[in-house]
Amino acid sequence: MKYLIKDARLINEGQIQTGDLLIRNDRIEQVGGDITNAEATVIDANGKYLLPGLIDDQVHFREPGLTHKATIETESRAAVAGGITTFTEMPNTVPQTITVEKLEEKFALASRTSWGNYSFMMGATNDNLEEILKVDHLQVAGLKIFLGASTGNMLVDDPAVLEEIFSKTNLRISVHCEDEPTIRRNIQQYMERYGEEIPMHCHPEIRSAEACYRSSSQAIELARKTGARLHVFHLSTGGEMNLFDNSLPLHKKQITAEVCTHHLWFSDEDYTEKGSLIKWNPAVKTAADRDALWQALLDDRIDVLATDHAPHTLKEKQQLYTKAPSGGPLVQHALVALLECYHRGQISLEKIAEKACHNPAILFEIAERGFIREGYKADLVLVDLDDPWTVDRSNLFYKCGWSPFEGTTFRSKVTHTFVNGVLAYEQGRFPNHSRGERLTFNRLS
């Protein structure tokens, strides 16, 4: 396979340069200048913008065991349509990914069905340290610990166990931080006040800023005590931003941070219209919190942009507050939402590439992806910044069939996505079935 992308604006490593790019088989063979190749299929970018394929470090694709909501195949396909070519999937499936055997079963499943490149996180519980220590850190993205109960309820709440895990594992630890006693106390108060009819707008008061800060600060304190490498997922509050710093380059940071698209887009003012469709854990909070997240993202206290894509059926989401699960589908629309923020003047194109492409590769030490470089894997996304379209159910690729962005008009559009040199998505179609690859890592043995 050979593709020649002509006249593209390449967004890469802090710069935007106009030039051509040649793909041979699964690799980027040549970048920049005026390239000619008589054997290549030519794609005239005509000034459109070319980025490395996005790397999403946190998704829930629901397989195995929850496939009425989603599968690795359906959601990786939607991700490719959204310009995400690589993902790391979480362990709270059925059965949970808390043994090496179950971890390898998921890798085998993805090898047969995934459109995008993949890795998985091992899950921690209060009693599986022996299994955690069996995991080869050269073969998986890392370890996931739920410090607040979420979908799948893999809560790890024994302080002695946590310290032992932090002290002994050589895996990078990614954490969901919400203080469970605080949440339980809050929900009890709201149940006494409302019964089963708790309004959806109470969600950020129940899963509160206090609950987030208490948990994340404790996790960071433990990481500093033990020397563990800690990555804090889906931050949602302004108060937590003072826990992180930007004094070191990313590759030297022991403690890192992530923010997700929905916490940068929505605020508590949107519960009136969106209701349970924007019920996530941690909760979408105030506009002031959102502004603080943006500031921390731009000044490099927050290192990575992700989605926490976590679909449920619409029927499940339409239940009462106490029964409606948290989470929603995002991989198809994360990039175009970020590009909308670019149009609003909130973020540069170079910073989008840094936080959503380069930094996940650096942080997780992913080999040969995340950059537009000669010899790297040809994971690429071409976007048109001026082709408006409106999200509706007819143009969704999620298995669950809905989106919190329905009715939103985005100015930008993903036009082409390459995965390992295969043109997998083009202008609303999937001309070729890409085969995602298991990620490899540049780590010391």
Protein backbone atom coordinates (compact mmCIF):
# COMPACT_ATOMS: atom_id res chain seq x y z
CA MET A 1 0.00 0.00 0.00
CA LYS A 2 1.16 3.48 -0.85
CA TYR A 3 -0.66 6.73 -0.24
CA LEU A 4 0.61 10.20 -1.03
CA ILE A 5 -1.09 13.02 0.87
CA LYS A 6 -0.46 16.25 -1.02
CA ASP A 7 -0.59 19.85 0.21
CA ALA A 8 -1.45 19.19 3.85
CA ARG A 9 -0.82 21.43 6.82
CA LEU A 10 1.02 19.11 9.20
CA ILE A 11 0.42 19.74 12.91
CA ASN A 12 3.30 18.16 14.75
CA GLU A 13 5.68 18.85 17.64
CA GLY A 14 4.66 22.45 18.17
CA GLN A 15 4.66 23.50 14.54
CA ILE A 16 2.36 23.69 11.52
CA GLN A 17 4.11 23.21 8.19
CA THR A 18 2.70 22.77 4.70
CA GLY A 19 3.94 19.78 2.77
CA ASP A 20 3.34 16.26 1.53
CA LEU A 21 3.47 12.90 3.28
CA LEU A 22 4.13 9.47 1.78
CA ILE A 23 2.81 6.26 3.36
CA ARG A 24 4.29 2.91 2.39
CA ASN A 25 2.55 -0.12 3.88
CA ASP A 26 2.15 0.60 7.60
CA ARG A 27 4.79 3.34 7.90
CA ILE A 28 5.32 7.02 7.24
CA GLU A 29 8.09 6.89 4.65
CA GLN A 30 8.64 10.55 3.83
CA VAL A 31 7.45 13.85 5.31
CA GLY A 32 7.63 17.39 3.98
CA GLY A 33 8.35 19.22 0.75
CA ASP A 34 6.97 18.31 -2.66
CA ILE A 35 6.92 14.51 -2.89
CA THR A 36 6.23 12.56 -6.05
CA ASN A 37 5.55 8.84 -6.37
CA ALA A 38 3.95 7.36 -9.45
CA GLU A 39 2.81 4.21 -7.65
CA ALA A 40 0.98 5.91 -4.78
CA THR A 41 -2.71 6.67 -4.47
CA VAL A 42 -2.88 10.46 -4.21
CA ILE A 43 -5.08 12.24 -1.67
CA ASP A 44 -5.19 15.98 -2.32
CA ALA A 45 -5.49 17.54 1.13
CA ASN A 46 -5.89 20.96 -0.48
CA GLY A 47 -4.75 22.74 2.67
CA LYS A 48 -6.57 20.57 5.19
CA TYR A 49 -4.82 19.83 8.47
CA LEU A 50 -3.04 16.53 9.16
CA LEU A 51 -2.46 15.34 12.74
CA PRO A 52 -1.05 12.16 14.24
CA GLY A 53 -3.87 9.79 15.09
CA LEU A 54 -5.15 10.60 18.56
CA ILE A 55 -4.26 8.30 21.47
CA ASP A 56 -7.09 7.95 24.00
CA ASP A 57 -5.70 6.70 27.30
CA GLN A 58 -9.06 5.93 28.88
CA VAL A 59 -12.04 4.19 27.26
CA HIS A 60 -14.66 1.65 28.33
CA PHE A 61 -15.63 -0.46 25.32
CA ARG A 62 -17.75 -2.83 27.48
CA GLU A 63 -16.48 -6.13 26.17
CA PRO A 64 -16.68 -8.79 27.47
CA GLY A 65 -19.94 -9.07 29.36
CA LEU A 66 -21.67 -5.76 28.62
CA THR A 67 -21.97 -6.04 24.87
CA HIS A 68 -25.57 -4.80 24.76
CA LYS A 69 -23.97 -1.38 25.36
CA ALA A 70 -20.91 -1.60 23.11
CA THR A 71 -18.17 -3.86 21.76
CA ILE A 72 -14.51 -3.38 21.00
CA GLU A 73 -15.39 -3.56 17.30
CA THR A 74 -18.23 -1.02 17.30
CA GLU A 75 -16.54 1.54 19.53
CA SER A 76 -13.08 1.30 17.95
CA ARG A 77 -14.78 1.87 14.59
CA ALA A 78 -16.51 4.97 15.97
CA ALA A 79 -13.19 6.10 17.41
CA VAL A 80 -11.51 5.80 14.01
CA ALA A 81 -14.31 7.92 12.52
CA GLY A 82 -13.42 10.51 15.14
CA GLY A 83 -9.69 10.45 14.44
CA ILE A 84 -8.71 8.29 17.44
CA THR A 85 -6.44 5.53 16.17
CA THR A 86 -5.16 4.14 19.48
CA PHE A 87 -6.87 3.46 22.79
CA THR A 88 -6.32 2.00 26.23
CA GLU A 89 -9.36 0.16 27.59
CA MET A 90 -10.33 -0.16 31.25
CA PRO A 91 -10.76 -3.31 33.37
CA ASN A 92 -14.31 -2.94 34.72
CA THR A 93 -15.90 -5.41 32.31
CA VAL A 94 -17.67 -8.71 33.08
CA PRO A 95 -15.66 -10.58 34.14
CA GLN A 96 -13.34 -7.91 35.48
CA THR A 97 -9.81 -7.80 34.10
CA ILE A 98 -8.09 -8.58 37.38
CA THR A 99 -6.03 -11.64 36.43
CA VAL A 100 -3.33 -12.12 33.82
CA GLU A 101 -5.51 -14.76 32.17
CA LYS A 102 -8.45 -12.38 31.71
CA LEU A 103 -6.10 -9.66 30.51
CA GLU A 104 -4.71 -11.87 27.76
CA GLU A 105 -8.23 -12.96 26.77
CA LYS A 106 -9.07 -9.32 26.08
CA PHE A 107 -5.92 -8.89 24.01
CA ALA A 108 -6.92 -11.93 21.96
CA LEU A 109 -10.41 -10.54 21.45
CA ALA A 110 -9.10 -7.17 20.30
CA SER A 111 -6.68 -8.82 17.89
CA ARG A 112 -9.68 -10.24 16.03
CA THR A 113 -12.04 -7.25 16.08
CA SER A 114 -10.41 -3.89 16.84
CA TRP A 115 -10.25 -1.20 14.17
CA GLY A 116 -7.76 0.79 16.24
CA ASN A 117 -4.51 0.02 18.03
CA TYR A 118 -5.04 -1.13 21.58
CA SER A 119 -3.76 -1.88 25.00
CA PHE A 120 -5.53 -2.71 28.24
CA MET A 121 -5.12 -1.86 31.87
CA MET A 122 -4.87 -4.45 34.57
CA GLY A 123 -7.43 -3.85 37.30
CA ALA A 124 -6.70 -3.72 41.01
CA THR A 125 -8.89 -5.02 43.83
CA ASN A 126 -8.44 -5.36 47.57
CA ASP A 127 -7.10 -8.89 47.13
CA ASN A 128 -5.34 -9.38 43.78
CA LEU A 129 -1.83 -8.06 44.49
CA GLU A 130 -0.33 -11.43 43.55
CA GLU A 131 -1.88 -11.19 40.08
CA ILE A 132 -0.78 -7.57 39.67
CA LEU A 133 2.81 -8.55 40.32
CA LYS A 134 2.63 -11.19 37.57
CA VAL A 135 1.91 -8.58 34.90
CA ASP A 136 4.77 -7.84 32.51
CA HIS A 137 5.07 -4.06 32.40
CA LEU A 138 6.48 -4.30 28.88
CA GLN A 139 3.21 -5.79 27.61
CA VAL A 140 0.42 -3.59 29.04
CA ALA A 141 -0.40 0.09 29.33
CA GLY A 142 -0.56 0.09 33.13
CA LEU A 143 -2.62 -0.54 36.25
CA LYS A 144 -6.05 0.98 36.95
CA ILE A 145 -7.27 1.56 40.51
CA PHE A 146 -10.76 2.78 41.32
CA LEU A 147 -10.49 4.87 44.49
CA GLY A 148 -14.16 5.75 44.07
CA ALA A 149 -16.88 3.25 43.17
CA SER A 150 -17.89 3.55 39.52
CA THR A 151 -19.40 1.32 36.87
CA GLY A 152 -18.39 -2.22 37.81
CA ASN A 153 -17.65 -1.31 41.44
CA MET A 154 -13.98 -2.28 41.63
CA LEU A 155 -13.44 0.00 44.63
CA VAL A 156 -10.09 -0.43 46.37
CA ASP A 157 -10.57 1.05 49.84
CA ASP A 158 -8.14 -0.76 52.13
CA PRO A 159 -5.30 1.69 52.96
CA ALA A 160 -2.83 -1.08 53.72
CA VAL A 161 -3.54 -2.79 50.40
CA LEU A 162 -3.19 0.49 48.51
CA GLU A 163 0.18 1.22 50.06
CA GLU A 164 1.40 -2.27 49.26
CA ILE A 165 0.28 -1.95 45.62
CA PHE A 166 1.87 1.50 45.27
CA SER A 167 5.09 0.22 46.83
CA LYS A 168 5.49 -3.00 44.87
CA THR A 169 4.18 -2.57 41.33
CA ASN A 170 6.42 -1.26 38.54
CA LEU A 171 3.36 -0.44 36.42
CA ARG A 172 2.25 3.15 35.97
CA ILE A 173 -0.81 3.52 38.20
CA SER A 174 -3.86 5.32 36.83
CA VAL A 175 -6.55 6.25 39.34
CA HIS A 176 -10.19 7.24 39.48
CA CYS A 177 -10.27 9.57 42.49
CA GLU A 178 -13.47 10.16 44.45
CA ASP A 179 -13.79 9.67 48.20
CA GLU A 180 -16.44 7.01 48.75
CA PRO A 181 -17.39 7.88 52.39
CA THR A 182 -18.04 11.49 51.34
CA ILE A 183 -20.23 10.36 48.45
CA ARG A 184 -22.19 7.93 50.60
CA ARG A 185 -22.82 10.62 53.18
CA ASN A 186 -24.00 13.04 50.51
CA ILE A 187 -26.32 10.56 48.80
CA GLN A 188 -27.90 9.71 52.12
CA GLN A 189 -28.68 13.37 52.72
CA TYR A 190 -30.22 13.79 49.28
CA MET A 191 -32.22 10.57 49.62
CA GLU A 192 -33.67 11.88 52.87
CA ARG A 193 -34.61 15.10 51.10
CA TYR A 194 -35.90 13.79 47.75
CA GLY A 195 -36.36 10.03 48.08
CA GLU A 196 -35.91 8.33 44.70
CA GLU A 197 -36.67 11.58 42.84
CA ILE A 198 -33.27 13.24 43.25
CA PRO A 199 -32.90 15.91 40.53
CA MET A 200 -30.10 15.23 38.07
CA HIS A 201 -28.54 18.64 38.74
CA CYS A 202 -27.66 17.42 42.25
CA HIS A 203 -25.09 15.01 40.84
CA PRO A 204 -22.10 17.40 41.25
CA GLU A 205 -23.20 18.11 44.82
CA ILE A 206 -23.37 14.40 45.66
CA ARG A 207 -20.15 13.43 43.88
CA SER A 208 -18.73 16.69 45.10
CA ALA A 209 -15.57 18.73 44.68
CA GLU A 210 -14.71 17.78 48.25
CA ALA A 211 -14.93 14.06 47.39
CA CYS A 212 -12.62 14.56 44.41
CA TYR A 213 -10.03 16.62 46.24
CA ARG A 214 -9.93 14.38 49.28
CA SER A 215 -9.26 11.30 47.16
CA SER A 216 -6.81 12.77 44.65
CA SER A 217 -4.75 14.50 47.34
CA GLN A 218 -4.47 11.24 49.28
CA ALA A 219 -3.41 9.33 46.16
CA ILE A 220 -0.74 11.90 45.37
CA GLU A 221 0.52 11.84 48.96
CA LEU A 222 0.80 8.04 48.77
CA ALA A 223 2.63 8.22 45.44
CA ARG A 224 5.14 10.65 46.87
CA LYS A 225 5.62 8.45 49.92
CA THR A 226 6.18 5.25 47.91
CA GLY A 227 7.78 6.63 44.75
CA ALA A 228 5.04 5.17 42.56
CA ARG A 229 4.36 6.63 39.12
CA LEU A 230 0.82 8.02 39.33
CA HIS A 231 -1.54 9.27 36.62
CA VAL A 232 -4.78 10.87 37.82
CA PHE A 233 -7.66 10.32 35.41
CA HIS A 234 -10.53 12.69 34.49
CA LEU A 235 -9.95 15.64 36.79
CA SER A 236 -13.06 17.75 37.25
CA THR A 237 -12.46 20.50 39.84
CA GLY A 238 -10.52 23.72 40.08
CA GLY A 239 -9.39 22.89 43.59
CA GLU A 240 -7.45 19.84 42.44
CA MET A 241 -5.33 21.91 40.08
CA ASN A 242 -3.05 23.09 42.90
CA LEU A 243 -2.00 19.44 43.40
CA PHE A 244 -0.10 19.40 40.09
CA ASP A 245 2.86 21.36 38.76
CA ASN A 246 4.49 22.21 35.47
CA SER A 247 8.08 22.55 36.63
CA LEU A 248 9.32 19.42 34.86
CA PRO A 249 9.05 18.12 31.29
CA LEU A 250 6.52 15.34 30.96
CA HIS A 251 9.03 12.49 30.64
CA LYS A 252 10.47 13.40 34.05
CA LYS A 253 7.16 13.72 35.91
CA GLN A 254 6.28 11.04 38.46
CA ILE A 255 2.76 12.41 38.97
CA THR A 256 0.68 13.34 35.93
CA ALA A 257 -2.86 14.40 35.15
CA GLU A 258 -5.62 13.96 32.56
CA VAL A 259 -8.75 15.90 31.66
CA CYS A 260 -11.62 14.67 29.49
CA THR A 261 -13.59 16.37 26.75
CA HIS A 262 -16.87 16.53 28.66
CA HIS A 263 -15.35 18.34 31.65
CA LEU A 264 -13.97 20.97 29.26
CA TRP A 265 -17.24 21.36 27.34
CA PHE A 266 -20.19 21.06 29.72
CA SER A 267 -20.95 22.65 33.11
CA ASP A 268 -23.62 22.21 35.77
CA GLU A 269 -25.76 24.69 33.82
CA ASP A 270 -26.28 21.96 31.19
CA TYR A 271 -28.05 19.44 33.47
CA THR A 272 -31.37 21.23 32.87
CA GLU A 273 -31.24 20.40 29.15
CA LYS A 274 -29.11 17.25 29.07
CA GLY A 275 -30.07 15.53 32.34
CA SER A 276 -28.63 12.05 32.72
CA LEU A 277 -26.95 12.25 29.30
CA ILE A 278 -24.15 14.22 30.98
CA LYS A 279 -24.12 12.18 34.18
CA TRP A 280 -20.51 11.08 34.52
CA ASN A 281 -18.26 10.08 37.39
CA PRO A 282 -16.60 12.36 38.36
CA ALA A 283 -19.46 14.76 37.79
CA VAL A 284 -19.50 17.71 35.42
CA LYS A 285 -19.20 20.64 37.80
CA THR A 286 -19.31 24.45 37.66
CA ALA A 287 -18.25 26.83 34.90
CA ALA A 288 -15.52 28.07 37.27
CA ASP A 289 -14.21 24.51 37.59
CA ARG A 290 -14.27 24.18 33.82
CA ASP A 291 -12.29 27.42 33.43
CA ALA A 292 -9.70 26.20 35.95
CA LEU A 293 -9.31 22.93 34.03
CA TRP A 294 -8.71 24.85 30.82
CA GLN A 295 -6.07 27.01 32.48
CA ALA A 296 -4.26 23.98 33.91
CA LEU A 297 -4.37 22.22 30.54
CA LEU A 298 -2.84 25.22 28.80
CA ASP A 299 -0.11 25.81 31.40
CA ASP A 300 0.85 22.10 31.47
CA ARG A 301 -0.26 21.13 34.95
CA ILE A 302 -2.64 18.81 33.07
CA ASP A 303 -0.74 16.61 30.64
CA VAL A 304 -3.24 14.56 28.62
CA LEU A 305 -6.60 14.96 26.88
CA ALA A 306 -8.86 11.88 26.78
CA THR A 307 -12.52 10.85 26.57
CA ASP A 308 -13.44 8.31 29.28
CA HIS A 309 -15.82 6.99 26.61
CA ALA A 310 -18.30 4.88 28.60
CA PRO A 311 -21.56 4.11 26.76
CA HIS A 312 -24.85 2.87 28.17
CA THR A 313 -28.12 2.26 26.38
CA LEU A 314 -30.54 5.15 26.21
CA LYS A 315 -33.07 3.10 28.19
CA GLU A 316 -30.54 2.70 31.00
CA LYS A 317 -29.72 6.40 30.99
CA GLN A 318 -33.39 7.43 31.13
CA GLN A 319 -33.95 5.93 34.57
CA LEU A 320 -34.22 7.85 37.85
CA TYR A 321 -31.05 9.46 39.21
CA THR A 322 -30.28 6.64 41.64
CA LYS A 323 -30.57 4.01 38.89
CA ALA A 324 -29.23 5.80 35.79
CA PRO A 325 -25.60 4.73 35.24
CA SER A 326 -22.84 7.27 34.79
CA GLY A 327 -20.94 7.58 31.53
CA GLY A 328 -21.56 8.35 27.89
CA PRO A 329 -20.18 7.89 24.37
CA LEU A 330 -17.52 10.39 23.23
CA VAL A 331 -14.83 8.91 20.95
CA GLN A 332 -16.49 9.95 17.67
CA HIS A 333 -16.81 13.59 18.70
CA ALA A 334 -13.89 14.39 21.02
CA LEU A 335 -11.60 15.75 18.30
CA VAL A 336 -14.23 17.86 16.56
CA ALA A 337 -15.26 19.26 19.95
CA LEU A 338 -11.64 20.24 20.62
CA LEU A 339 -11.44 21.80 17.18
CA GLU A 340 -14.57 23.80 18.01
CA CYS A 341 -12.72 25.06 21.08
CA TYR A 342 -9.89 26.05 18.74
CA HIS A 343 -12.35 28.10 16.69
CA ARG A 344 -13.48 29.79 19.92
CA GLY A 345 -9.90 30.76 20.71
CA GLN A 346 -9.59 28.46 23.73
CA ILE A 347 -6.72 26.26 22.50
CA SER A 348 -4.27 26.11 19.61
CA LEU A 349 -4.05 23.31 17.09
CA GLU A 350 -0.49 22.62 18.22
CA LYS A 351 -1.65 22.22 21.82
CA ILE A 352 -4.41 19.79 20.79
CA ALA A 353 -1.79 17.61 19.06
CA GLU A 354 0.50 17.85 22.08
CA LYS A 355 -2.12 16.82 24.64
CA ALA A 356 -4.08 14.25 22.61
CA CYS A 357 -1.35 12.73 20.42
CA HIS A 358 2.21 13.36 21.63
CA ASN A 359 1.78 13.33 25.41
CA PRO A 360 -0.11 10.03 25.75
CA ALA A 361 2.68 8.39 23.74
CA ILE A 362 5.35 9.98 25.95
CA LEU A 363 3.54 9.28 29.22
CA PHE A 364 2.86 5.60 28.54
CA GLU A 365 6.10 5.16 26.55
CA ILE A 366 4.25 3.91 23.47
CA ALA A 367 6.56 2.92 20.64
CA GLU A 368 6.40 4.52 17.17
CA ARG A 369 3.08 6.33 17.52
CA GLY A 370 1.77 9.75 18.47
CA PHE A 371 3.98 11.81 16.13
CA ILE A 372 4.33 12.53 12.42
CA ARG A 373 7.84 11.15 11.94
CA GLU A 374 9.50 9.19 9.19
CA GLY A 375 9.61 5.51 10.15
CA TYR A 376 6.71 5.79 12.59
CA LYS A 377 3.46 3.91 12.17
CA ALA A 378 1.12 5.64 9.73
CA ASP A 379 -1.65 6.56 12.18
CA LEU A 380 -2.98 9.84 10.81
CA VAL A 381 -6.11 11.97 10.74
CA LEU A 382 -6.97 14.63 8.17
CA VAL A 383 -9.43 17.33 9.20
CA ASP A 384 -11.30 20.08 7.38
CA LEU A 385 -11.64 23.09 9.67
CA ASP A 386 -14.45 24.64 7.64
CA ASP A 387 -17.08 22.04 6.77
CA PRO A 388 -19.96 22.49 9.25
CA TRP A 389 -22.20 19.57 10.18
CA THR A 390 -24.72 18.76 12.87
CA VAL A 391 -24.67 15.68 15.12
CA ASP A 392 -27.82 13.58 14.91
CA ARG A 393 -28.63 9.92 15.28
CA SER A 394 -28.32 9.27 11.56
CA ASN A 395 -24.58 9.99 11.63
CA LEU A 396 -23.63 8.22 14.86
CA PHE A 397 -21.47 5.07 14.88
CA TYR A 398 -21.83 4.15 18.57
CA LYS A 399 -23.68 0.93 19.29
CA CYS A 400 -25.75 2.71 21.96
CA GLY A 401 -27.14 5.01 19.27
CA TRP A 402 -27.09 8.35 21.11
CA SER A 403 -24.70 11.18 21.93
CA PRO A 404 -24.66 14.06 24.43
CA PHE A 405 -23.67 16.22 21.44
CA GLU A 406 -26.88 15.58 19.48
CA GLY A 407 -28.07 18.85 17.99
CA THR A 408 -24.59 20.41 18.19
CA THR A 409 -23.18 21.90 14.99
CA PHE A 410 -19.43 21.50 14.64
CA ARG A 411 -17.52 23.63 12.18
CA SER A 412 -14.77 21.03 11.65
CA LYS A 413 -14.98 17.52 10.24
CA VAL A 414 -12.73 14.46 10.17
CA THR A 415 -12.34 13.56 6.49
CA HIS A 416 -9.77 10.72 6.49
CA THR A 417 -8.28 8.41 9.11
CA PHE A 418 -5.36 6.05 8.54
CA VAL A 419 -4.57 3.19 10.93
CA ASN A 420 -1.23 1.47 10.31
CA GLY A 421 -1.28 2.80 6.76
CA VAL A 422 -4.80 1.56 5.99
CA LEU A 423 -7.33 4.18 4.91
CA ALA A 424 -10.03 3.09 7.34
CA TYR A 425 -12.33 6.12 7.25
CA GLU A 426 -13.10 8.55 4.42
CA GLN A 427 -15.88 11.13 4.29
CA GLY A 428 -18.44 9.19 6.31
CA ARG A 429 -17.53 5.77 4.89
CA PHE A 430 -15.27 2.93 5.97
CA PRO A 431 -13.58 1.90 2.69
CA ASN A 432 -11.16 -0.58 4.29
CA HIS A 433 -11.27 -2.56 7.52
CA SER A 434 -8.21 -1.57 9.50
CA ARG A 435 -6.68 -4.10 11.85
CA GLY A 436 -5.46 -2.50 15.02
CA GLU A 437 -2.23 -3.71 16.55
CA ARG A 438 -1.31 -4.46 20.13
CA LEU A 439 0.77 -1.59 21.42
CA THR A 440 4.45 -2.01 22.12
CA PHE A 441 6.35 0.13 24.59
CA ASN A 442 9.78 1.73 24.83
CA ARG A 443 10.48 0.72 28.43
CA LEU A 444 13.47 -0.66 30.23
CA SER A 445 13.16 -4.34 31.13
